[in-house]
Every structure is written in structure tokens, then in C-alpha cells.
Amino acid sequence: METLHSLRQKIDSAEELHAIVRTMKSLAAVHIRQSEQAVEALGRFSETIEWGLHVTLHRTAQAIEFVEPINIQPLGALVIGTNQGLVGGLNQHVARHAVDELQRLQPDPDQRTVITVGFRISDRVERLGIDVNDTLEMANSVAGLDPLVQRLVLRIADWRAHRDIERIVVLYAHPVSEQPYEPRLLHILPIDPLWLREVQQREWPTRVIPQYAMDWHDLFSALIQGYLLTALYRALADSLASENASRLRSMQAAEDNIEAHLDKLNAEYRDLRKTSITESLLDIVAGYEAVMEADSS
């Protein structure tokens, strides 16, 4: 049977857990906002890169050949998940989406190289039948994205230099308004020829197109590198925002359950305290009556 002491201990434990959940909710909201700000800044940077590409392609359109990707080429894939839990089914959903897309893009397992970002998604991908060649730690905040992007760029450079991998994709969670996220596929390389054509055919917003003095190939290579860095960073920032949005939803559900449990415990505590007070009063009255009867006799 419950006692006032045991109920008080349960209430104190639930209140401590409630405080932890509220703190985790606040941290998740802060990380979401930081990720959104990073993506907003990347949007402006991406626009600058695209206008730079427009100028180079407009000036020397014949210097580039638009080549459609060849599906039989070896495939390199980056699958982005989380290091930490409490994110609902995010890792499982991204892993399932990644497996379906990888099997579609490159059915031959020997022609696939897969790196997972986030320890919790690695096991899920392997359980679904895809071999993982390596796993990197996912950044826990926006501040950790820069070094992670640099590591991924080095891996991609190694793939291209030593494994002849020219098809590279990223599979990650993208935040959406209706729900915390949706799994997405991003083609990093080769550069989408339709996108390059669209960039080339844009109209410059002013009457004078900028000039440049450096070598065309060096400039174009630098712009493409900036585009790739931006694409990788945005995918990681989106995944980080999705992770924290999922955690925020999980923590909200946990907070609702804890508050409901606290209400129940507090009600039980009040009822038991009333019963205890009533019993004490009855004991006092009974004792008083016994004393009065003894005095009268």
C-alpha cells in the first residue's frame, strides 16, 4: 500500500525528470534555430556562387560539356543520421529510404561505397542489408559542422582519386513544416546538367555583367568546390535541424506524459493526506472520548 512518504518520493522523482525534459526541449529549440540561421546564411552564399557560375558559363559557354550521369559507374553515398537517441523513428526512416535509393541507383554491392554519419544510423543501415564502409560522428551543434564538412570533402576527394567514384549522393532528413522531417536524396556529383543549363540561361539583374581576370578553369573549379561545400553543409544542417525537431516532439510527448502522471500522483497524495488527517482526527476524538469516559466512571 502506498504511503505519504513513498508518494512524496515518486512526486519528487517525477518533478526532477520533468525539469530535465524541459531543459532538453529548450536545448533542442536553440539548436533548431541555429540550424535555421545557418541554412539562411548558406542560401545567400549559394546565390552568390550561382551568379558566379552564370558569369563564367556566360562568358565561356563552349568551355564546358554538359554530360549526363552514367548509372553503371561506382557509387559513393553519405547517409546522415544521429549520434544520440530520443529522435523517434528518424534513423530508421532515413535508413530505409537510403537502402531503397542505393539499391535503385547501384544494385551491385561491389560498386557501392557507403559512409554513415551518426553511430545510431549505421547499425540500422547494415541490418537492412547494406554494407557500411565507415562511420563518422555526427556533429551535435552547428559549431561542429565545419570540421565535419572538411572530413567529408577529404573522403570524397579520396574516392575520386583512388576509387574512380564520380557518382556521389547524400541521404538525409530534411525539415518540413507539416512534420519534423522527410527523408531526401541529394546528388552531389556529377553536377546536374539541367541545373547548370538553368544557371547559364539566367538573365543578369543589371545591364553590366562583371568581368574577371583569373584563369577560367581555376575560377570555375573554385565555384564548383564552393557549391559542393555549400550542398554538404546544408544537408548536414538540415539533418541537425530534423534531429532536434524530432527530439523536441519526443520531449513534448514525454512532458505531457510526466505532467499527467504528476497530476495523478498529486491527486493520490492529497487523497491519502486527507485520509491520514481524518484518521488522526478520529484517533484524537476516540482518545478524548475514552479519557472522558474514564473520568466519568
C-alpha atoms as a PDB file:
ATOM      1  CA  MET A   1       0.000   0.000   0.000  1.00  0.00           C
ATOM      2  CA  GLU A   2       1.244   3.478  -0.840  1.00  0.00           C
ATOM      3  CA  THR A   3       2.328   5.746   1.993  1.00  0.00           C
ATOM      4  CA  LEU A   4       2.701   9.520   2.067  1.00  0.00           C
ATOM      5  CA  HIS A   5       6.470   9.106   2.137  1.00  0.00           C
ATOM      6  CA  SER A   6       6.595   6.794  -0.895  1.00  0.00           C
ATOM      7  CA  LEU A   7       4.218   9.042  -2.852  1.00  0.00           C
ATOM      8  CA  ARG A   8       6.306  12.102  -1.974  1.00  0.00           C
ATOM      9  CA  GLN A   9       9.412  10.329  -3.309  1.00  0.00           C
ATOM     10  CA  LYS A  10       7.616   9.472  -6.552  1.00  0.00           C
ATOM     11  CA  ILE A  11       6.439  13.069  -6.964  1.00  0.00           C
ATOM     12  CA  ASP A  12       9.942  14.423  -6.358  1.00  0.00           C
ATOM     13  CA  SER A  13      11.409  12.000  -8.921  1.00  0.00           C
ATOM     14  CA  ALA A  14       8.774  12.925 -11.494  1.00  0.00           C
ATOM     15  CA  GLU A  15       9.395  16.645 -10.945  1.00  0.00           C
ATOM     16  CA  GLU A  16      13.151  16.153 -11.420  1.00  0.00           C
ATOM     17  CA  LEU A  17      12.510  14.245 -14.641  1.00  0.00           C
ATOM     18  CA  HIS A  18      10.097  16.970 -15.732  1.00  0.00           C
ATOM     19  CA  ALA A  19      12.826  19.596 -15.246  1.00  0.00           C
ATOM     20  CA  ILE A  20      15.287  17.526 -17.315  1.00  0.00           C
ATOM     21  CA  VAL A  21      12.776  17.130 -20.144  1.00  0.00           C
ATOM     22  CA  ARG A  22      12.054  20.873 -20.165  1.00  0.00           C
ATOM     23  CA  THR A  23      15.790  21.586 -20.358  1.00  0.00           C
ATOM     24  CA  MET A  24      16.176  19.176 -23.276  1.00  0.00           C
ATOM     25  CA  LYS A  25      13.249  20.861 -25.024  1.00  0.00           C
ATOM     26  CA  SER A  26      14.916  24.252 -24.634  1.00  0.00           C
ATOM     27  CA  LEU A  27      18.239  22.958 -25.970  1.00  0.00           C
ATOM     28  CA  ALA A  28      16.532  21.325 -28.946  1.00  0.00           C
ATOM     29  CA  ALA A  29      14.715  24.584 -29.768  1.00  0.00           C
ATOM     30  CA  VAL A  30      18.007  26.515 -29.590  1.00  0.00           C
ATOM     31  CA  HIS A  31      19.734  24.028 -31.912  1.00  0.00           C
ATOM     32  CA  ILE A  32      16.841  24.203 -34.367  1.00  0.00           C
ATOM     33  CA  ARG A  33      17.103  27.980 -34.550  1.00  0.00           C
ATOM     34  CA  GLN A  34      20.878  27.833 -35.001  1.00  0.00           C
ATOM     35  CA  SER A  35      20.475  25.333 -37.834  1.00  0.00           C
ATOM     36  CA  GLU A  36      17.830  27.510 -39.494  1.00  0.00           C
ATOM     37  CA  GLN A  37      20.122  30.543 -39.298  1.00  0.00           C
ATOM     38  CA  ALA A  38      22.971  28.532 -40.818  1.00  0.00           C
ATOM     39  CA  VAL A  39      20.743  27.415 -43.706  1.00  0.00           C
ATOM     40  CA  GLU A  40      19.581  31.007 -44.276  1.00  0.00           C
ATOM     41  CA  ALA A  41      23.191  32.188 -44.491  1.00  0.00           C
ATOM     42  CA  LEU A  42      24.008  29.312 -46.844  1.00  0.00           C
ATOM     43  CA  GLY A  43      21.143  30.365 -49.079  1.00  0.00           C
ATOM     44  CA  ARG A  44      22.696  33.777 -49.628  1.00  0.00           C
ATOM     45  CA  PHE A  45      26.123  32.221 -50.191  1.00  0.00           C
ATOM     46  CA  SER A  46      24.665  29.710 -52.670  1.00  0.00           C
ATOM     47  CA  GLU A  47      23.026  32.519 -54.593  1.00  0.00           C
ATOM     48  CA  THR A  48      26.381  34.296 -54.894  1.00  0.00           C
ATOM     49  CA  ILE A  49      28.033  31.104 -56.164  1.00  0.00           C
ATOM     50  CA  GLU A  50      25.284  30.548 -58.720  1.00  0.00           C
ATOM     51  CA  TRP A  51      25.665  34.073 -60.078  1.00  0.00           C
ATOM     52  CA  GLY A  52      29.406  33.488 -60.293  1.00  0.00           C
ATOM     53  CA  LEU A  53      28.766  30.323 -62.270  1.00  0.00           C
ATOM     54  CA  HIS A  54      26.371  32.228 -64.500  1.00  0.00           C
ATOM     55  CA  VAL A  55      29.112  34.739 -65.339  1.00  0.00           C
ATOM     56  CA  THR A  56      31.691  32.048 -66.103  1.00  0.00           C
ATOM     57  CA  LEU A  57      29.295  29.967 -68.189  1.00  0.00           C
ATOM     58  CA  HIS A  58      28.003  33.068 -69.989  1.00  0.00           C
ATOM     59  CA  ARG A  59      31.497  34.242 -70.843  1.00  0.00           C
ATOM     60  CA  THR A  60      32.858  30.853 -71.913  1.00  0.00           C
ATOM     61  CA  ALA A  61      29.906  28.638 -72.610  1.00  0.00           C
ATOM     62  CA  GLN A  62      31.831  26.451 -75.053  1.00  0.00           C
ATOM     63  CA  ALA A  63      34.420  25.519 -72.427  1.00  0.00           C
ATOM     64  CA  ILE A  64      32.133  23.157 -70.537  1.00  0.00           C
ATOM     65  CA  GLU A  65      30.476  19.993 -71.702  1.00  0.00           C
ATOM     66  CA  PHE A  66      27.134  19.037 -70.187  1.00  0.00           C
ATOM     67  CA  VAL A  67      27.345  15.309 -69.507  1.00  0.00           C
ATOM     68  CA  GLU A  68      24.524  13.167 -68.223  1.00  0.00           C
ATOM     69  CA  PRO A  69      25.477  10.801 -65.354  1.00  0.00           C
ATOM     70  CA  ILE A  70      26.137   7.151 -66.209  1.00  0.00           C
ATOM     71  CA  ASN A  71      24.247   4.824 -63.889  1.00  0.00           C
ATOM     72  CA  ILE A  72      26.720   1.940 -64.191  1.00  0.00           C
ATOM     73  CA  GLN A  73      29.504   3.934 -62.547  1.00  0.00           C
ATOM     74  CA  PRO A  74      30.618   3.177 -58.980  1.00  0.00           C
ATOM     75  CA  LEU A  75      28.539   4.983 -56.383  1.00  0.00           C
ATOM     76  CA  GLY A  76      29.624   6.739 -53.191  1.00  0.00           C
ATOM     77  CA  ALA A  77      26.962   7.509 -50.613  1.00  0.00           C
ATOM     78  CA  LEU A  78      26.839   9.542 -47.414  1.00  0.00           C
ATOM     79  CA  VAL A  79      23.953   8.553 -45.128  1.00  0.00           C
ATOM     80  CA  ILE A  80      23.347  11.098 -42.368  1.00  0.00           C
ATOM     81  CA  GLY A  81      21.676  10.157 -39.099  1.00  0.00           C
ATOM     82  CA  THR A  82      22.272  10.905 -35.415  1.00  0.00           C
ATOM     83  CA  ASN A  83      24.663  10.032 -32.607  1.00  0.00           C
ATOM     84  CA  GLN A  84      22.077  10.460 -29.878  1.00  0.00           C
ATOM     85  CA  GLY A  85      18.678   8.933 -29.311  1.00  0.00           C
ATOM     86  CA  LEU A  86      15.268  10.318 -28.366  1.00  0.00           C
ATOM     87  CA  VAL A  87      14.575  11.223 -32.005  1.00  0.00           C
ATOM     88  CA  GLY A  88      11.617   8.949 -32.656  1.00  0.00           C
ATOM     89  CA  GLY A  89      11.935   6.919 -35.847  1.00  0.00           C
ATOM     90  CA  LEU A  90      14.258   9.333 -37.678  1.00  0.00           C
ATOM     91  CA  ASN A  91      17.213   6.964 -38.054  1.00  0.00           C
ATOM     92  CA  GLN A  92      15.022   4.073 -39.110  1.00  0.00           C
ATOM     93  CA  HIS A  93      13.150   6.164 -41.694  1.00  0.00           C
ATOM     94  CA  VAL A  94      16.327   7.627 -43.204  1.00  0.00           C
ATOM     95  CA  ALA A  95      17.987   4.204 -43.237  1.00  0.00           C
ATOM     96  CA  ARG A  96      15.036   2.611 -45.039  1.00  0.00           C
ATOM     97  CA  HIS A  97      14.925   5.438 -47.583  1.00  0.00           C
ATOM     98  CA  ALA A  98      18.693   5.187 -48.086  1.00  0.00           C
ATOM     99  CA  VAL A  99      18.604   1.444 -48.675  1.00  0.00           C
ATOM    100  CA  ASP A 100      15.804   1.741 -51.233  1.00  0.00           C
ATOM    101  CA  GLU A 101      17.603   4.524 -53.119  1.00  0.00           C
ATOM    102  CA  LEU A 102      21.007   2.828 -53.049  1.00  0.00           C
ATOM    103  CA  GLN A 103      19.597  -0.413 -54.401  1.00  0.00           C
ATOM    104  CA  ARG A 104      17.897   1.561 -57.157  1.00  0.00           C
ATOM    105  CA  LEU A 105      20.934   3.666 -58.045  1.00  0.00           C
ATOM    106  CA  GLN A 106      23.537   0.893 -57.870  1.00  0.00           C
ATOM    107  CA  PRO A 107      22.226  -2.671 -57.496  1.00  0.00           C
ATOM    108  CA  ASP A 108      25.777  -4.141 -57.444  1.00  0.00           C
ATOM    109  CA  PRO A 109      27.042  -4.116 -53.819  1.00  0.00           C
ATOM    110  CA  ASP A 110      30.662  -4.273 -55.023  1.00  0.00           C
ATOM    111  CA  GLN A 111      30.178  -0.945 -56.809  1.00  0.00           C
ATOM    112  CA  ARG A 112      28.846   0.854 -53.702  1.00  0.00           C
ATOM    113  CA  THR A 113      30.865   2.661 -51.050  1.00  0.00           C
ATOM    114  CA  VAL A 114      28.805   3.835 -48.081  1.00  0.00           C
ATOM    115  CA  ILE A 115      29.775   6.101 -45.204  1.00  0.00           C
ATOM    116  CA  THR A 116      27.276   6.755 -42.440  1.00  0.00           C
ATOM    117  CA  VAL A 117      27.365   9.943 -40.381  1.00  0.00           C
ATOM    118  CA  GLY A 118      25.980   9.178 -36.939  1.00  0.00           C
ATOM    119  CA  PHE A 119      26.531   5.975 -34.974  1.00  0.00           C
ATOM    120  CA  ARG A 120      22.847   5.246 -34.432  1.00  0.00           C
ATOM    121  CA  ILE A 121      22.051   5.016 -38.139  1.00  0.00           C
ATOM    122  CA  SER A 122      24.977   2.749 -39.003  1.00  0.00           C
ATOM    123  CA  ASP A 123      23.513  -0.398 -37.404  1.00  0.00           C
ATOM    124  CA  ARG A 124      20.125   0.245 -38.959  1.00  0.00           C
ATOM    125  CA  VAL A 125      21.577   0.516 -42.458  1.00  0.00           C
ATOM    126  CA  GLU A 126      23.531  -2.722 -42.031  1.00  0.00           C
ATOM    127  CA  ARG A 127      20.505  -4.548 -40.626  1.00  0.00           C
ATOM    128  CA  LEU A 128      18.665  -3.641 -43.829  1.00  0.00           C
ATOM    129  CA  GLY A 129      21.322  -5.346 -45.952  1.00  0.00           C
ATOM    130  CA  ILE A 130      23.707  -2.540 -46.953  1.00  0.00           C
ATOM    131  CA  ASP A 131      27.392  -2.830 -46.009  1.00  0.00           C
ATOM    132  CA  VAL A 132      28.791   0.281 -44.311  1.00  0.00           C
ATOM    133  CA  ASN A 133      32.429   1.024 -45.114  1.00  0.00           C
ATOM    134  CA  ASP A 134      32.966   3.613 -42.401  1.00  0.00           C
ATOM    135  CA  THR A 135      31.074   5.679 -39.814  1.00  0.00           C
ATOM    136  CA  LEU A 136      31.781   9.261 -38.769  1.00  0.00           C
ATOM    137  CA  GLU A 137      30.475  11.045 -35.713  1.00  0.00           C
ATOM    138  CA  MET A 138      27.611  13.427 -36.396  1.00  0.00           C
ATOM    139  CA  ALA A 139      28.025  16.982 -35.101  1.00  0.00           C
ATOM    140  CA  ASN A 140      25.924  17.793 -32.040  1.00  0.00           C
ATOM    141  CA  SER A 141      25.665  21.508 -32.867  1.00  0.00           C
ATOM    142  CA  VAL A 142      26.191  23.962 -35.711  1.00  0.00           C
ATOM    143  CA  ALA A 143      29.673  24.706 -34.362  1.00  0.00           C
ATOM    144  CA  GLY A 144      30.715  21.132 -35.157  1.00  0.00           C
ATOM    145  CA  LEU A 145      29.589  21.190 -38.789  1.00  0.00           C
ATOM    146  CA  ASP A 146      32.672  22.920 -40.251  1.00  0.00           C
ATOM    147  CA  PRO A 147      35.206  20.213 -39.288  1.00  0.00           C
ATOM    148  CA  LEU A 148      32.743  17.500 -40.294  1.00  0.00           C
ATOM    149  CA  VAL A 149      32.302  19.041 -43.748  1.00  0.00           C
ATOM    150  CA  GLN A 150      36.072  19.177 -44.163  1.00  0.00           C
ATOM    151  CA  ARG A 151      36.361  15.485 -43.298  1.00  0.00           C
ATOM    152  CA  LEU A 152      33.658  14.574 -45.782  1.00  0.00           C
ATOM    153  CA  VAL A 153      35.289  16.654 -48.525  1.00  0.00           C
ATOM    154  CA  LEU A 154      38.553  14.783 -47.950  1.00  0.00           C
ATOM    155  CA  ARG A 155      36.706  11.460 -48.178  1.00  0.00           C
ATOM    156  CA  ILE A 156      35.077  12.495 -51.439  1.00  0.00           C
ATOM    157  CA  ALA A 157      38.441  13.596 -52.831  1.00  0.00           C
ATOM    158  CA  ASP A 158      39.910  10.220 -51.869  1.00  0.00           C
ATOM    159  CA  TRP A 159      37.018   8.410 -53.544  1.00  0.00           C
ATOM    160  CA  ARG A 160      37.578  10.279 -56.781  1.00  0.00           C
ATOM    161  CA  ALA A 161      41.358   9.965 -56.734  1.00  0.00           C
ATOM    162  CA  HIS A 162      41.773   6.333 -55.695  1.00  0.00           C
ATOM    163  CA  ARG A 163      38.457   4.571 -56.329  1.00  0.00           C
ATOM    164  CA  ASP A 164      37.237   6.260 -59.531  1.00  0.00           C
ATOM    165  CA  ILE A 165      33.961   7.179 -57.824  1.00  0.00           C
ATOM    166  CA  GLU A 166      32.340  10.026 -59.718  1.00  0.00           C
ATOM    167  CA  ARG A 167      28.746   9.469 -58.604  1.00  0.00           C
ATOM    168  CA  ILE A 168      28.176  10.711 -55.081  1.00  0.00           C
ATOM    169  CA  VAL A 169      24.873  11.116 -53.248  1.00  0.00           C
ATOM    170  CA  VAL A 170      23.785  12.261 -49.801  1.00  0.00           C
ATOM    171  CA  LEU A 171      20.784  10.780 -47.986  1.00  0.00           C
ATOM    172  CA  TYR A 172      19.494  12.769 -45.042  1.00  0.00           C
ATOM    173  CA  ALA A 173      16.465  14.159 -43.191  1.00  0.00           C
ATOM    174  CA  HIS A 174      15.091  17.474 -44.401  1.00  0.00           C
ATOM    175  CA  PRO A 175      12.855  19.529 -42.058  1.00  0.00           C
ATOM    176  CA  VAL A 176       9.363  20.289 -43.318  1.00  0.00           C
ATOM    177  CA  SER A 177       6.556  22.343 -41.838  1.00  0.00           C
ATOM    178  CA  GLU A 178       3.895  19.624 -41.582  1.00  0.00           C
ATOM    179  CA  GLN A 179       6.149  17.206 -39.661  1.00  0.00           C
ATOM    180  CA  PRO A 180       9.651  17.181 -38.153  1.00  0.00           C
ATOM    181  CA  TYR A 181      11.349  15.848 -41.312  1.00  0.00           C
ATOM    182  CA  GLU A 182      11.213  13.835 -44.504  1.00  0.00           C
ATOM    183  CA  PRO A 183      13.993  11.646 -45.973  1.00  0.00           C
ATOM    184  CA  ARG A 184      15.671  13.131 -49.050  1.00  0.00           C
ATOM    185  CA  LEU A 185      18.244  12.239 -51.686  1.00  0.00           C
ATOM    186  CA  LEU A 186      20.786  14.814 -52.878  1.00  0.00           C
ATOM    187  CA  HIS A 187      23.024  14.231 -55.902  1.00  0.00           C
ATOM    188  CA  ILE A 188      26.396  15.861 -55.190  1.00  0.00           C
ATOM    189  CA  LEU A 189      28.333  14.607 -58.209  1.00  0.00           C
ATOM    190  CA  PRO A 190      28.212  14.730 -61.121  1.00  0.00           C
ATOM    191  CA  ILE A 191      26.799  18.226 -61.240  1.00  0.00           C
ATOM    192  CA  ASP A 192      23.244  18.204 -62.527  1.00  0.00           C
ATOM    193  CA  PRO A 193      23.468  19.324 -66.198  1.00  0.00           C
ATOM    194  CA  LEU A 194      19.915  20.670 -66.143  1.00  0.00           C
ATOM    195  CA  TRP A 195      20.808  22.868 -63.188  1.00  0.00           C
ATOM    196  CA  LEU A 196      23.943  24.133 -64.953  1.00  0.00           C
ATOM    197  CA  ARG A 197      21.924  24.965 -68.047  1.00  0.00           C
ATOM    198  CA  GLU A 198      19.376  26.813 -65.951  1.00  0.00           C
ATOM    199  CA  VAL A 199      22.147  28.809 -64.246  1.00  0.00           C
ATOM    200  CA  GLN A 200      23.719  29.582 -67.617  1.00  0.00           C
ATOM    201  CA  GLN A 201      20.465  30.828 -69.118  1.00  0.00           C
ATOM    202  CA  ARG A 202      19.529  33.221 -66.324  1.00  0.00           C
ATOM    203  CA  GLU A 203      19.411  36.932 -67.023  1.00  0.00           C
ATOM    204  CA  TRP A 204      21.876  39.108 -65.158  1.00  0.00           C
ATOM    205  CA  PRO A 205      19.899  41.566 -62.972  1.00  0.00           C
ATOM    206  CA  THR A 206      21.832  44.641 -64.159  1.00  0.00           C
ATOM    207  CA  ARG A 207      22.956  45.999 -67.533  1.00  0.00           C
ATOM    208  CA  VAL A 208      26.665  45.232 -66.989  1.00  0.00           C
ATOM    209  CA  ILE A 209      27.955  41.682 -66.479  1.00  0.00           C
ATOM    210  CA  PRO A 210      31.000  41.505 -64.147  1.00  0.00           C
ATOM    211  CA  GLN A 211      34.448  40.817 -65.561  1.00  0.00           C
ATOM    212  CA  TYR A 212      37.133  38.534 -64.149  1.00  0.00           C
ATOM    213  CA  ALA A 213      40.864  38.272 -64.757  1.00  0.00           C
ATOM    214  CA  MET A 214      41.831  34.867 -63.335  1.00  0.00           C
ATOM    215  CA  ASP A 215      42.037  31.702 -65.417  1.00  0.00           C
ATOM    216  CA  TRP A 216      38.590  30.414 -66.405  1.00  0.00           C
ATOM    217  CA  HIS A 217      39.251  26.829 -65.294  1.00  0.00           C
ATOM    218  CA  ASP A 218      40.584  27.916 -61.899  1.00  0.00           C
ATOM    219  CA  LEU A 219      37.575  30.155 -61.322  1.00  0.00           C
ATOM    220  CA  PHE A 220      35.071  27.534 -62.434  1.00  0.00           C
ATOM    221  CA  SER A 221      36.764  24.875 -60.274  1.00  0.00           C
ATOM    222  CA  ALA A 222      36.676  27.183 -57.229  1.00  0.00           C
ATOM    223  CA  LEU A 223      32.981  27.941 -57.767  1.00  0.00           C
ATOM    224  CA  ILE A 224      32.109  24.257 -58.121  1.00  0.00           C
ATOM    225  CA  GLN A 225      34.053  23.497 -54.957  1.00  0.00           C
ATOM    226  CA  GLY A 226      32.107  26.224 -53.153  1.00  0.00           C
ATOM    227  CA  TYR A 227      28.866  24.743 -54.466  1.00  0.00           C
ATOM    228  CA  LEU A 228      29.798  21.273 -53.187  1.00  0.00           C
ATOM    229  CA  LEU A 229      30.822  22.605 -49.779  1.00  0.00           C
ATOM    230  CA  THR A 230      27.558  24.502 -49.509  1.00  0.00           C
ATOM    231  CA  ALA A 231      25.490  21.483 -50.541  1.00  0.00           C
ATOM    232  CA  LEU A 232      27.181  19.253 -47.966  1.00  0.00           C
ATOM    233  CA  TYR A 233      26.885  21.853 -45.217  1.00  0.00           C
ATOM    234  CA  ARG A 234      23.211  22.436 -45.958  1.00  0.00           C
ATOM    235  CA  ALA A 235      22.431  18.689 -45.890  1.00  0.00           C
ATOM    236  CA  LEU A 236      24.169  18.382 -42.510  1.00  0.00           C
ATOM    237  CA  ALA A 237      22.446  21.493 -41.129  1.00  0.00           C
ATOM    238  CA  ASP A 238      19.065  20.213 -42.334  1.00  0.00           C
ATOM    239  CA  SER A 239      19.730  16.844 -40.743  1.00  0.00           C
ATOM    240  CA  LEU A 240      20.722  18.520 -37.470  1.00  0.00           C
ATOM    241  CA  ALA A 241      17.549  20.611 -37.522  1.00  0.00           C
ATOM    242  CA  SER A 242      15.462  17.493 -38.244  1.00  0.00           C
ATOM    243  CA  GLU A 243      17.145  15.634 -35.379  1.00  0.00           C
ATOM    244  CA  ASN A 244      16.331  18.367 -32.912  1.00  0.00           C
ATOM    245  CA  ALA A 245      12.802  18.820 -34.250  1.00  0.00           C
ATOM    246  CA  SER A 246      12.214  15.101 -33.700  1.00  0.00           C
ATOM    247  CA  ARG A 247      13.740  15.320 -30.237  1.00  0.00           C
ATOM    248  CA  LEU A 248      11.560  18.327 -29.450  1.00  0.00           C
ATOM    249  CA  ARG A 249       8.467  16.366 -30.423  1.00  0.00           C
ATOM    250  CA  SER A 250       9.587  13.373 -28.344  1.00  0.00           C
ATOM    251  CA  MET A 251      10.299  15.599 -25.361  1.00  0.00           C
ATOM    252  CA  GLN A 252       6.900  17.278 -25.726  1.00  0.00           C
ATOM    253  CA  ALA A 253       5.209  13.884 -25.629  1.00  0.00           C
ATOM    254  CA  ALA A 254       7.326  12.912 -22.619  1.00  0.00           C
ATOM    255  CA  GLU A 255       6.463  16.184 -20.870  1.00  0.00           C
ATOM    256  CA  ASP A 256       2.741  15.622 -21.458  1.00  0.00           C
ATOM    257  CA  ASN A 257       3.006  12.096 -20.001  1.00  0.00           C
ATOM    258  CA  ILE A 258       5.005  13.296 -16.999  1.00  0.00           C
ATOM    259  CA  GLU A 259       2.533  16.099 -16.288  1.00  0.00           C
ATOM    260  CA  ALA A 260      -0.368  13.657 -16.495  1.00  0.00           C
ATOM    261  CA  HIS A 261       1.472  11.277 -14.159  1.00  0.00           C
ATOM    262  CA  LEU A 262       2.252  14.138 -11.766  1.00  0.00           C
ATOM    263  CA  ASP A 263      -1.404  15.148 -11.693  1.00  0.00           C
ATOM    264  CA  LYS A 264      -2.324  11.577 -10.814  1.00  0.00           C
ATOM    265  CA  LEU A 265       0.357  11.314  -8.107  1.00  0.00           C
ATOM    266  CA  ASN A 266      -0.581  14.682  -6.605  1.00  0.00           C
ATOM    267  CA  ALA A 267      -4.250  13.687  -6.521  1.00  0.00           C
ATOM    268  CA  GLU A 268      -3.358  10.404  -4.809  1.00  0.00           C
ATOM    269  CA  TYR A 269      -1.119  12.279  -2.371  1.00  0.00           C
ATOM    270  CA  ARG A 270      -3.879  14.765  -1.493  1.00  0.00           C
ATOM    271  CA  ASP A 271      -6.432  11.984  -1.032  1.00  0.00           C
ATOM    272  CA  LEU A 272      -4.063   9.948   1.109  1.00  0.00           C
ATOM    273  CA  ARG A 273      -3.132  13.018   3.167  1.00  0.00           C
ATOM    274  CA  LYS A 274      -6.813  13.823   3.727  1.00  0.00           C
ATOM    275  CA  THR A 275      -7.403  10.234   4.780  1.00  0.00           C
ATOM    276  CA  SER A 276      -4.396  10.353   7.087  1.00  0.00           C
ATOM    277  CA  ILE A 277      -5.572  13.631   8.668  1.00  0.00           C
ATOM    278  CA  THR A 278      -9.096  12.258   9.065  1.00  0.00           C
ATOM    279  CA  GLU A 279      -7.767   9.098  10.710  1.00  0.00           C
ATOM    280  CA  SER A 280      -5.587  11.167  13.034  1.00  0.00           C
ATOM    281  CA  LEU A 281      -8.551  13.341  14.000  1.00  0.00           C
ATOM    282  CA  LEU A 282     -10.706  10.275  14.609  1.00  0.00           C
ATOM    283  CA  ASP A 283      -7.970   8.796  16.782  1.00  0.00           C
ATOM    284  CA  ILE A 284      -7.801  12.043  18.772  1.00  0.00           C
ATOM    285  CA  VAL A 285     -11.593  12.131  19.185  1.00  0.00           C
ATOM    286  CA  ALA A 286     -11.658   8.482  20.160  1.00  0.00           C
ATOM    287  CA  GLY A 287      -8.893   9.059  22.642  1.00  0.00           C
ATOM    288  CA  TYR A 288     -10.654  12.082  24.072  1.00  0.00           C
ATOM    289  CA  GLU A 289     -13.919  10.167  24.421  1.00  0.00           C
ATOM    290  CA  ALA A 290     -12.066   7.312  26.138  1.00  0.00           C
ATOM    291  CA  VAL A 291     -10.485   9.709  28.603  1.00  0.00           C
ATOM    292  CA  MET A 292     -13.825  11.400  29.283  1.00  0.00           C
ATOM    293  CA  GLU A 293     -15.499   8.038  29.895  1.00  0.00           C
ATOM    294  CA  ALA A 294     -12.697   7.034  32.246  1.00  0.00           C
ATOM    295  CA  ASP A 295     -13.048  10.310  34.184  1.00  0.00           C
ATOM    296  CA  SER A 296     -16.816   9.964  34.460  1.00  0.00           C
ATOM    297  CA  SER A 297     -16.557   6.473  35.823  1.00  0.00           C
END
